[in-house]
Amino acid sequence: MGYVVPTFPLSVLSKLLDPGAALRFCERVDICVHGYDEDARELNELPEVRDFIYKLDDKFPYWCYFLSKLAAGLMFILSYFCPPHLAPDARDRIWKERIAEYLTRRGFPALNHSCGTIGCSGSEIKRLTDRVAEYIVNGVDHSEA
């Protein structure tokens, strides 16, 4: 039997899918993982944490809509869809490919679904999509902090 995502994170995240909550929490959520402070490895190098994020994403792929662009949570999630332990030149190339693939296959469709649930306009969907792209290219947006 494989790893099962604990019900608590999913129960919290699933509450965000209510249209009223989705509207209130658009780009206002952050995510972190605790309990590995004594491990010298990066979190995305730990198989149990990678498995946790994969399983969580399988049930809740709405990161692009909900995660703040003022914090590192979205990049944290995206890092799990890229292989760890790469040389810097390979990392840049492979990460771009993998992140683009994730956004095309999961991230942007989930963002569009969230927007459709609350009735976002086309211009609002474009704005949110552009914010994700800008965040990935430029990192955390400190202009609003």
N, C-alpha and C. Protein backbone atom coordinates (compact mmCIF):
# COMPACT_ATOMS: atom_id res chain seq x y z
N MET A 1 0.85 -1.19 0.00
CA MET A 1 0.00 0.00 0.00
C MET A 1 0.88 1.24 0.00
N GLY A 2 0.64 2.18 -0.91
CA GLY A 2 1.43 3.39 -1.02
C GLY A 2 1.08 4.41 0.04
N TYR A 3 1.79 5.50 0.00
CA TYR A 3 1.58 6.60 0.92
C TYR A 3 0.22 7.23 0.67
N VAL A 4 -0.49 7.52 1.72
CA VAL A 4 -1.79 8.18 1.63
C VAL A 4 -1.67 9.56 2.25
N VAL A 5 -2.17 10.57 1.57
CA VAL A 5 -2.12 11.93 2.10
C VAL A 5 -2.99 12.00 3.34
N PRO A 6 -2.44 12.53 4.45
CA PRO A 6 -3.28 12.70 5.65
C PRO A 6 -4.52 13.54 5.32
N THR A 7 -5.61 13.24 5.98
CA THR A 7 -6.86 13.91 5.67
C THR A 7 -6.88 15.38 6.07
N PHE A 8 -6.10 15.77 7.07
CA PHE A 8 -6.15 17.16 7.53
C PHE A 8 -5.78 18.16 6.43
N PRO A 9 -4.63 18.00 5.74
CA PRO A 9 -4.33 19.00 4.70
C PRO A 9 -5.41 19.05 3.62
N LEU A 10 -5.91 17.90 3.22
CA LEU A 10 -6.95 17.89 2.19
C LEU A 10 -8.26 18.50 2.68
N SER A 11 -8.59 18.29 3.96
CA SER A 11 -9.83 18.88 4.46
C SER A 11 -9.73 20.40 4.50
N VAL A 12 -8.56 20.91 4.85
CA VAL A 12 -8.36 22.37 4.86
C VAL A 12 -8.41 22.91 3.44
N LEU A 13 -7.66 22.29 2.54
CA LEU A 13 -7.61 22.76 1.16
C LEU A 13 -8.97 22.64 0.46
N SER A 14 -9.70 21.59 0.73
CA SER A 14 -10.99 21.41 0.06
C SER A 14 -11.98 22.51 0.43
N LYS A 15 -11.84 23.09 1.61
CA LYS A 15 -12.72 24.20 1.99
C LYS A 15 -12.52 25.42 1.11
N LEU A 16 -11.34 25.54 0.52
CA LEU A 16 -11.05 26.66 -0.37
C LEU A 16 -11.86 26.58 -1.67
N LEU A 17 -12.35 25.40 -2.00
CA LEU A 17 -13.06 25.22 -3.26
C LEU A 17 -14.49 25.73 -3.23
N ASP A 18 -15.00 26.05 -2.06
CA ASP A 18 -16.30 26.70 -1.96
C ASP A 18 -16.19 28.04 -2.69
N PRO A 19 -17.14 28.38 -3.57
CA PRO A 19 -17.00 29.61 -4.35
C PRO A 19 -16.72 30.86 -3.52
N GLY A 20 -17.37 31.02 -2.37
CA GLY A 20 -17.10 32.19 -1.53
C GLY A 20 -15.69 32.20 -1.00
N ALA A 21 -15.22 31.05 -0.54
CA ALA A 21 -13.85 30.94 -0.04
C ALA A 21 -12.86 31.12 -1.18
N ALA A 22 -13.16 30.55 -2.33
CA ALA A 22 -12.25 30.69 -3.48
C ALA A 22 -12.05 32.16 -3.84
N LEU A 23 -13.11 32.91 -3.81
CA LEU A 23 -13.01 34.34 -4.10
C LEU A 23 -12.18 35.06 -3.05
N ARG A 24 -12.40 34.76 -1.77
CA ARG A 24 -11.67 35.41 -0.68
C ARG A 24 -10.19 35.03 -0.62
N PHE A 25 -9.86 33.79 -0.99
CA PHE A 25 -8.50 33.30 -0.80
C PHE A 25 -7.67 33.23 -2.07
N CYS A 26 -8.13 33.82 -3.15
CA CYS A 26 -7.35 33.88 -4.39
C CYS A 26 -6.00 34.56 -4.10
N GLU A 27 -4.91 33.85 -4.37
CA GLU A 27 -3.54 34.34 -4.16
C GLU A 27 -3.26 34.75 -2.71
N ARG A 28 -3.94 34.13 -1.75
CA ARG A 28 -3.74 34.51 -0.34
C ARG A 28 -3.32 33.33 0.53
N VAL A 29 -2.93 32.22 -0.08
CA VAL A 29 -2.57 31.01 0.66
C VAL A 29 -1.08 30.76 0.49
N ASP A 30 -0.46 30.21 1.51
CA ASP A 30 0.93 29.74 1.40
C ASP A 30 0.97 28.31 1.93
N ILE A 31 2.02 27.61 1.64
CA ILE A 31 2.16 26.22 2.05
C ILE A 31 3.57 25.98 2.55
N CYS A 32 3.69 25.10 3.52
CA CYS A 32 5.01 24.72 4.01
C CYS A 32 4.93 23.30 4.56
N VAL A 33 6.08 22.69 4.75
CA VAL A 33 6.18 21.36 5.32
C VAL A 33 7.09 21.44 6.53
N HIS A 34 6.65 20.87 7.64
CA HIS A 34 7.44 20.87 8.87
C HIS A 34 7.87 19.45 9.23
N GLY A 35 8.90 19.37 10.06
CA GLY A 35 9.31 18.09 10.60
C GLY A 35 10.61 17.55 10.02
N TYR A 36 11.25 18.32 9.18
CA TYR A 36 12.48 17.84 8.54
C TYR A 36 13.65 18.78 8.79
N ASP A 37 13.58 19.58 9.83
CA ASP A 37 14.63 20.56 10.11
C ASP A 37 15.99 19.92 10.36
N GLU A 38 16.01 18.71 10.89
CA GLU A 38 17.27 18.04 11.20
C GLU A 38 17.89 17.35 9.98
N ASP A 39 17.17 17.27 8.90
CA ASP A 39 17.68 16.62 7.68
C ASP A 39 18.39 17.66 6.84
N ALA A 40 19.62 17.39 6.45
CA ALA A 40 20.43 18.35 5.70
C ALA A 40 19.99 18.48 4.24
N ARG A 41 19.25 17.51 3.75
CA ARG A 41 18.81 17.55 2.36
C ARG A 41 17.72 18.60 2.16
N GLU A 42 17.58 19.06 0.92
CA GLU A 42 16.47 19.94 0.57
C GLU A 42 15.18 19.12 0.63
N LEU A 43 14.09 19.77 0.95
CA LEU A 43 12.82 19.04 1.06
C LEU A 43 12.46 18.30 -0.23
N ASN A 44 12.73 18.92 -1.38
CA ASN A 44 12.35 18.26 -2.63
C ASN A 44 13.27 17.09 -2.98
N GLU A 45 14.27 16.83 -2.16
CA GLU A 45 15.12 15.66 -2.33
C GLU A 45 14.63 14.47 -1.50
N LEU A 46 13.71 14.70 -0.60
CA LEU A 46 13.24 13.65 0.31
C LEU A 46 12.10 12.87 -0.33
N PRO A 47 12.29 11.57 -0.56
CA PRO A 47 11.25 10.79 -1.23
C PRO A 47 9.88 10.85 -0.55
N GLU A 48 9.84 10.86 0.77
CA GLU A 48 8.54 10.88 1.45
C GLU A 48 7.83 12.23 1.27
N VAL A 49 8.60 13.31 1.20
CA VAL A 49 7.98 14.62 0.98
C VAL A 49 7.54 14.74 -0.48
N ARG A 50 8.36 14.25 -1.39
CA ARG A 50 7.98 14.27 -2.81
C ARG A 50 6.68 13.50 -3.01
N ASP A 51 6.59 12.32 -2.40
CA ASP A 51 5.39 11.50 -2.52
C ASP A 51 4.17 12.22 -1.94
N PHE A 52 4.36 12.88 -0.80
CA PHE A 52 3.28 13.65 -0.17
C PHE A 52 2.77 14.74 -1.13
N ILE A 53 3.70 15.50 -1.72
CA ILE A 53 3.30 16.58 -2.63
C ILE A 53 2.62 16.02 -3.87
N TYR A 54 3.12 14.94 -4.44
CA TYR A 54 2.48 14.33 -5.61
C TYR A 54 1.04 13.93 -5.29
N LYS A 55 0.86 13.28 -4.14
CA LYS A 55 -0.48 12.81 -3.76
C LYS A 55 -1.39 13.99 -3.45
N LEU A 56 -0.85 15.02 -2.82
CA LEU A 56 -1.64 16.21 -2.52
C LEU A 56 -2.07 16.89 -3.81
N ASP A 57 -1.14 17.03 -4.75
CA ASP A 57 -1.45 17.65 -6.03
C ASP A 57 -2.47 16.83 -6.81
N ASP A 58 -2.43 15.53 -6.65
CA ASP A 58 -3.40 14.68 -7.34
C ASP A 58 -4.83 15.02 -6.93
N LYS A 59 -5.01 15.39 -5.68
CA LYS A 59 -6.34 15.73 -5.14
C LYS A 59 -6.64 17.22 -5.20
N PHE A 60 -5.59 18.05 -5.21
CA PHE A 60 -5.77 19.51 -5.14
C PHE A 60 -4.72 20.18 -6.04
N PRO A 61 -5.01 20.37 -7.32
CA PRO A 61 -4.04 20.98 -8.24
C PRO A 61 -4.19 22.50 -8.41
N TYR A 62 -4.85 23.16 -7.49
CA TYR A 62 -5.26 24.56 -7.68
C TYR A 62 -4.24 25.58 -7.17
N TRP A 63 -2.97 25.19 -7.14
CA TRP A 63 -1.91 26.03 -6.58
C TRP A 63 -1.79 27.37 -7.28
N CYS A 64 -1.88 27.40 -8.60
CA CYS A 64 -1.68 28.65 -9.34
C CYS A 64 -2.74 29.69 -8.99
N TYR A 65 -3.91 29.25 -8.64
CA TYR A 65 -4.98 30.16 -8.26
C TYR A 65 -4.84 30.62 -6.81
N PHE A 66 -4.59 29.70 -5.91
CA PHE A 66 -4.64 30.03 -4.49
C PHE A 66 -3.33 30.51 -3.88
N LEU A 67 -2.19 30.01 -4.34
CA LEU A 67 -0.95 30.35 -3.66
C LEU A 67 -0.51 31.77 -3.96
N SER A 68 -0.05 32.42 -2.92
CA SER A 68 0.40 33.81 -3.00
C SER A 68 1.62 33.92 -3.90
N LYS A 69 1.70 35.02 -4.60
CA LYS A 69 2.90 35.31 -5.39
C LYS A 69 3.85 36.19 -4.58
N LEU A 70 3.51 36.40 -3.30
CA LEU A 70 4.36 37.16 -2.39
C LEU A 70 5.16 36.23 -1.47
N ALA A 71 5.05 34.93 -1.70
CA ALA A 71 5.73 33.94 -0.88
C ALA A 71 6.29 32.85 -1.80
N ALA A 72 7.04 31.94 -1.23
CA ALA A 72 7.75 30.92 -2.02
C ALA A 72 6.94 29.64 -2.24
N GLY A 73 5.70 29.57 -1.77
CA GLY A 73 4.93 28.34 -1.82
C GLY A 73 4.73 27.76 -3.21
N LEU A 74 4.43 28.59 -4.20
CA LEU A 74 4.21 28.07 -5.54
C LEU A 74 5.49 27.48 -6.11
N MET A 75 6.61 28.14 -5.92
CA MET A 75 7.89 27.59 -6.40
C MET A 75 8.22 26.31 -5.64
N PHE A 76 7.87 26.27 -4.36
CA PHE A 76 8.06 25.07 -3.55
C PHE A 76 7.31 23.90 -4.18
N ILE A 77 6.04 24.09 -4.51
CA ILE A 77 5.23 23.03 -5.13
C ILE A 77 5.82 22.66 -6.48
N LEU A 78 6.14 23.62 -7.31
CA LEU A 78 6.65 23.33 -8.64
C LEU A 78 7.98 22.57 -8.60
N SER A 79 8.77 22.81 -7.57
CA SER A 79 10.07 22.13 -7.47
C SER A 79 9.92 20.61 -7.37
N TYR A 80 8.79 20.14 -6.92
CA TYR A 80 8.57 18.70 -6.78
C TYR A 80 8.27 18.02 -8.11
N PHE A 81 8.01 18.77 -9.12
CA PHE A 81 7.74 18.20 -10.44
C PHE A 81 8.98 18.28 -11.33
N CYS A 82 10.09 18.60 -10.70
CA CYS A 82 11.38 18.65 -11.37
C CYS A 82 12.34 17.71 -10.63
N PRO A 83 13.25 17.08 -11.36
CA PRO A 83 14.17 16.16 -10.68
C PRO A 83 15.15 16.93 -9.78
N PRO A 84 15.46 16.37 -8.61
CA PRO A 84 16.49 16.98 -7.76
C PRO A 84 17.87 16.57 -8.26
N HIS A 85 18.90 17.14 -7.67
CA HIS A 85 20.30 16.75 -7.93
C HIS A 85 20.73 16.97 -9.36
N LEU A 86 20.44 18.12 -9.93
CA LEU A 86 20.90 18.42 -11.28
C LEU A 86 21.99 19.48 -11.24
N ALA A 87 22.89 19.41 -12.19
CA ALA A 87 23.89 20.47 -12.36
C ALA A 87 23.15 21.74 -12.75
N PRO A 88 23.70 22.92 -12.41
CA PRO A 88 22.97 24.17 -12.69
C PRO A 88 22.50 24.34 -14.13
N ASP A 89 23.32 24.01 -15.13
CA ASP A 89 22.89 24.19 -16.52
C ASP A 89 21.77 23.23 -16.88
N ALA A 90 21.85 21.99 -16.42
CA ALA A 90 20.78 21.01 -16.66
C ALA A 90 19.53 21.41 -15.90
N ARG A 91 19.72 21.91 -14.68
CA ARG A 91 18.58 22.32 -13.86
C ARG A 91 17.77 23.40 -14.57
N ASP A 92 18.44 24.43 -15.08
CA ASP A 92 17.73 25.51 -15.76
C ASP A 92 16.93 24.99 -16.95
N ARG A 93 17.54 24.16 -17.76
CA ARG A 93 16.87 23.65 -18.96
C ARG A 93 15.74 22.69 -18.61
N ILE A 94 16.02 21.72 -17.76
CA ILE A 94 15.02 20.71 -17.41
C ILE A 94 13.88 21.31 -16.60
N TRP A 95 14.21 22.21 -15.66
CA TRP A 95 13.15 22.82 -14.86
C TRP A 95 12.19 23.61 -15.75
N LYS A 96 12.72 24.35 -16.72
CA LYS A 96 11.84 25.11 -17.61
C LYS A 96 10.89 24.18 -18.34
N GLU A 97 11.41 23.06 -18.84
CA GLU A 97 10.58 22.10 -19.56
C GLU A 97 9.53 21.49 -18.64
N ARG A 98 9.95 21.05 -17.47
CA ARG A 98 9.03 20.36 -16.56
C ARG A 98 7.96 21.31 -16.01
N ILE A 99 8.37 22.53 -15.68
CA ILE A 99 7.39 23.49 -15.15
C ILE A 99 6.40 23.87 -16.24
N ALA A 100 6.88 24.07 -17.46
CA ALA A 100 5.97 24.38 -18.57
C ALA A 100 5.00 23.23 -18.79
N GLU A 101 5.49 22.01 -18.72
CA GLU A 101 4.62 20.83 -18.88
C GLU A 101 3.58 20.76 -17.76
N TYR A 102 4.01 21.00 -16.52
CA TYR A 102 3.08 20.96 -15.39
C TYR A 102 2.00 22.05 -15.55
N LEU A 103 2.42 23.25 -15.88
CA LEU A 103 1.46 24.35 -16.02
C LEU A 103 0.45 24.07 -17.13
N THR A 104 0.92 23.53 -18.23
CA THR A 104 0.04 23.23 -19.36
C THR A 104 -0.94 22.11 -19.02
N ARG A 105 -0.43 21.08 -18.36
CA ARG A 105 -1.24 19.89 -18.09
C ARG A 105 -2.12 20.03 -16.85
N ARG A 106 -1.61 20.70 -15.80
CA ARG A 106 -2.33 20.73 -14.52
C ARG A 106 -2.59 22.15 -14.02
N GLY A 107 -1.54 22.95 -13.95
CA GLY A 107 -1.62 24.24 -13.28
C GLY A 107 -2.63 25.21 -13.88
N PHE A 108 -2.50 25.48 -15.17
CA PHE A 108 -3.42 26.44 -15.78
C PHE A 108 -4.83 25.89 -15.95
N PRO A 109 -5.02 24.61 -16.29
CA PRO A 109 -6.39 24.10 -16.31
C PRO A 109 -7.07 24.20 -14.93
N ALA A 110 -6.33 23.94 -13.86
CA ALA A 110 -6.91 24.06 -12.52
C ALA A 110 -7.21 25.52 -12.19
N LEU A 111 -6.34 26.43 -12.60
CA LEU A 111 -6.59 27.86 -12.40
C LEU A 111 -7.86 28.26 -13.15
N ASN A 112 -7.98 27.82 -14.39
CA ASN A 112 -9.17 28.14 -15.19
C ASN A 112 -10.43 27.55 -14.56
N HIS A 113 -10.32 26.35 -14.01
CA HIS A 113 -11.46 25.74 -13.33
C HIS A 113 -11.88 26.58 -12.12
N SER A 114 -10.91 26.98 -11.32
CA SER A 114 -11.21 27.81 -10.14
C SER A 114 -11.88 29.11 -10.57
N CYS A 115 -11.32 29.72 -11.60
CA CYS A 115 -11.90 30.98 -12.10
C CYS A 115 -13.32 30.77 -12.62
N GLY A 116 -13.55 29.66 -13.30
CA GLY A 116 -14.88 29.36 -13.82
C GLY A 116 -15.89 29.15 -12.71
N THR A 117 -15.44 28.57 -11.60
CA THR A 117 -16.33 28.31 -10.47
C THR A 117 -16.87 29.60 -9.88
N ILE A 118 -16.05 30.64 -9.86
CA ILE A 118 -16.50 31.89 -9.25
C ILE A 118 -16.90 32.94 -10.28
N GLY A 119 -16.79 32.59 -11.56
CA GLY A 119 -17.25 33.51 -12.60
C GLY A 119 -16.28 34.63 -12.93
N CYS A 120 -14.99 34.36 -12.92
CA CYS A 120 -14.00 35.38 -13.29
C CYS A 120 -14.18 35.78 -14.75
N SER A 121 -13.87 37.01 -15.03
CA SER A 121 -13.89 37.48 -16.41
C SER A 121 -12.65 36.97 -17.13
N GLY A 122 -12.68 37.04 -18.43
CA GLY A 122 -11.52 36.66 -19.24
C GLY A 122 -10.30 37.49 -18.88
N SER A 123 -10.50 38.78 -18.62
CA SER A 123 -9.37 39.64 -18.27
C SER A 123 -8.78 39.26 -16.90
N GLU A 124 -9.63 38.82 -15.98
CA GLU A 124 -9.13 38.38 -14.67
C GLU A 124 -8.35 37.07 -14.80
N ILE A 125 -8.83 36.17 -15.62
CA ILE A 125 -8.11 34.92 -15.86
C ILE A 125 -6.75 35.22 -16.48
N LYS A 126 -6.72 36.13 -17.43
CA LYS A 126 -5.44 36.52 -18.06
C LYS A 126 -4.51 37.15 -17.03
N ARG A 127 -5.04 38.00 -16.18
CA ARG A 127 -4.22 38.65 -15.16
C ARG A 127 -3.61 37.61 -14.23
N LEU A 128 -4.40 36.64 -13.79
CA LEU A 128 -3.89 35.60 -12.89
C LEU A 128 -2.87 34.72 -13.58
N THR A 129 -3.13 34.38 -14.84
CA THR A 129 -2.18 33.58 -15.62
C THR A 129 -0.86 34.34 -15.78
N ASP A 130 -0.95 35.63 -16.11
CA ASP A 130 0.25 36.45 -16.25
C ASP A 130 1.02 36.55 -14.94
N ARG A 131 0.31 36.62 -13.82
CA ARG A 131 0.97 36.69 -12.50
C ARG A 131 1.76 35.41 -12.23
N VAL A 132 1.21 34.27 -12.60
CA VAL A 132 1.93 33.01 -12.42
C VAL A 132 3.19 33.02 -13.28
N ALA A 133 3.06 33.39 -14.53
CA ALA A 133 4.21 33.41 -15.44
C ALA A 133 5.28 34.38 -14.93
N GLU A 134 4.86 35.55 -14.50
CA GLU A 134 5.81 36.55 -13.97
C GLU A 134 6.49 36.02 -12.71
N TYR A 135 5.76 35.38 -11.85
CA TYR A 135 6.30 34.79 -10.62
C TYR A 135 7.37 33.75 -10.96
N ILE A 136 7.09 32.91 -11.94
CA ILE A 136 8.05 31.86 -12.30
C ILE A 136 9.31 32.46 -12.91
N VAL A 137 9.15 33.47 -13.73
CA VAL A 137 10.30 34.10 -14.37
C VAL A 137 11.08 34.96 -13.40
N ASN A 138 10.40 35.76 -12.58
CA ASN A 138 11.06 36.75 -11.74
C ASN A 138 11.15 36.39 -10.26
N GLY A 139 10.47 35.36 -9.83
CA GLY A 139 10.48 35.00 -8.42
C GLY A 139 9.39 35.72 -7.64
N VAL A 140 9.50 35.70 -6.35
CA VAL A 140 8.51 36.28 -5.43
C VAL A 140 8.35 37.75 -5.73
N ASP A 141 7.10 38.20 -5.78
CA ASP A 141 6.75 39.60 -6.04
C ASP A 141 6.85 40.38 -4.73
N HIS A 142 7.90 41.19 -4.61
CA HIS A 142 8.10 41.97 -3.39
C HIS A 142 7.47 43.37 -3.49
N SER A 143 6.89 43.69 -4.65
CA SER A 143 6.34 45.03 -4.84
C SER A 143 5.13 45.29 -3.96
N GLU A 144 4.41 44.23 -3.58
CA GLU A 144 3.20 44.41 -2.76
C GLU A 144 3.45 44.09 -1.30
N ALA A 145 4.64 43.63 -0.98
CA ALA A 145 4.94 43.20 0.40
C ALA A 145 5.05 44.39 1.32
